Protein backbone atom coordinates (compact mmCIF):
# COMPACT_ATOMS: atom_id res chain seq x y z
CA MET A 1 61.17 154.72 81.56
CA THR A 2 58.98 155.57 84.53
CA ALA A 3 57.12 158.30 82.63
CA LEU A 4 56.43 155.92 79.76
CA LEU A 5 55.12 153.25 82.12
CA ILE A 6 52.90 155.75 83.95
CA THR A 7 51.48 156.99 80.64
CA LEU A 8 50.80 153.43 79.50
CA HIS A 9 49.19 152.64 82.86
CA ILE A 10 46.82 155.61 82.58
CA ILE A 11 45.83 154.62 79.03
CA VAL A 12 45.18 151.04 80.17
CA CYS A 13 43.09 152.30 83.13
CA VAL A 14 40.89 154.43 80.87
CA ALA A 15 40.52 151.55 78.39
CA LEU A 16 39.52 149.16 81.18
CA ILE A 17 36.90 151.58 82.47
CA MET A 18 35.45 152.07 78.99
CA ILE A 19 35.33 148.35 78.22
CA VAL A 20 33.62 147.55 81.50
CA LEU A 21 31.07 150.30 80.95
CA LEU A 22 30.31 148.95 77.46
CA GLN A 23 29.34 145.57 78.83
CA THR A 24 25.72 144.92 79.58
CA GLY A 25 24.07 143.18 82.47
CA LYS A 26 22.87 139.59 82.34
CA GLY A 27 19.25 140.42 81.60
CA SER A 28 19.57 143.18 79.02
CA ASP A 29 21.06 143.68 75.59
CA MET A 30 22.73 146.67 73.91
CA GLY A 31 19.71 147.36 71.71
CA ALA A 32 17.53 148.00 74.74
CA ALA A 33 20.10 150.38 76.18
CA PHE A 34 19.81 152.68 73.15
CA GLY A 35 16.03 152.77 73.15
CA GLY A 36 15.36 150.12 70.52
CA GLY A 37 12.91 147.61 71.93
CA SER A 38 14.06 144.86 69.59
CA SER A 39 16.16 141.88 70.56
CA GLN A 40 19.03 142.77 68.21
CA THR A 41 22.32 143.58 69.85
CA LEU A 42 24.96 146.05 68.80
CA PHE A 43 27.69 143.50 68.08
CA GLY A 44 25.49 140.66 66.83
CA SER A 45 23.87 137.77 68.63
CA SER A 46 26.93 136.31 70.34
CA GLY A 47 29.81 138.45 69.07
CA ALA A 48 29.61 141.03 71.80
CA SER A 49 30.21 138.73 74.73
CA THR A 50 33.29 137.05 73.28
CA PHE A 51 34.80 140.27 71.92
CA LEU A 52 34.25 142.24 75.12
CA THR A 53 35.26 139.32 77.33
CA LYS A 54 38.53 138.82 75.48
CA SER A 55 39.31 142.53 75.40
CA THR A 56 38.53 142.85 79.12
CA THR A 57 40.87 139.98 79.87
CA LEU A 58 43.63 141.46 77.72
CA VAL A 59 43.34 144.94 79.23
CA ALA A 60 43.12 143.52 82.78
CA VAL A 61 46.36 141.59 82.23
CA ALA A 62 48.01 144.76 80.88
CA PHE A 63 46.75 146.66 83.95
CA MET A 64 48.25 144.09 86.31
CA LEU A 65 51.58 144.09 84.47
CA THR A 66 51.88 147.87 84.48
CA SER A 67 50.92 147.93 88.17
CA LEU A 68 53.59 145.38 89.02
CA GLY A 69 56.12 147.27 86.90
CA LEU A 70 55.39 150.54 88.68
CA ALA A 71 55.60 148.85 92.07
CA TYR A 72 58.95 147.28 91.18
CA ILE A 73 60.37 150.56 89.89
CA SER A 74 59.25 152.47 93.00
CA THR A 75 60.87 149.98 95.39
CA THR A 76 64.17 149.57 93.57
CA LYS A 77 64.98 153.23 93.04
CA THR A 78 68.68 153.71 93.74
CA GLY A 79 68.74 157.48 93.67
CA LYS A 80 70.90 159.26 96.16
CA SER A 81 69.23 160.64 99.21
CA ILE A 82 69.81 164.24 100.22
CA MET A 83 70.37 163.04 103.79
CA GLN A 84 73.26 160.67 103.03
CA ASN A 85 76.05 163.18 103.47
CA ALA A 86 74.38 165.40 106.05
CA ALA A 87 76.34 166.12 109.19
CA PRO A 88 74.62 165.25 112.46
CA VAL A 89 73.03 168.25 114.12
CA GLU A 90 74.28 169.01 117.60
CA GLN A 91 72.30 171.35 119.76
CA ALA A 92 73.95 173.14 122.65
CA VAL A 93 72.11 172.73 125.92
CA PRO A 94 71.72 176.12 127.57
CA ALA A 95 73.57 176.30 130.85
CA SER A 96 71.54 177.00 133.95
CA PRO A 97 72.32 180.15 135.89
CA GLN A 98 74.84 179.69 138.69
CA GLY A 99 72.49 180.62 141.52
CA GLN A 100 69.74 178.06 140.73
CA THR A 101 69.94 174.42 141.61
CA GLY A 102 66.88 173.31 139.73
CA SER A 103 64.66 172.59 142.75
CA ALA A 104 61.60 174.63 143.52
CA GLN A 105 61.62 176.54 146.81
């Protein structure tokens, strides 16, 4: 389940990057980006903005849902820890030699 969600998340991330890079700025059109000086756009006069806007919204929602899903899965993992049944470690303190009291002379 986690591997499927990670794969879907990566696909959505790449799609979101590509869709955002396809969009143009406010002052330019797609025809000018490809070297054509005309005012024609790649997707038509107004088709590009609605198509790309709707697809950006859809992919952004999918990105948020996969992100929330991955966050939920990572916090609710109920796998056993390797430290659950470990015995406490006790270290023996080395005894001081009989002739020394610990004070400097």
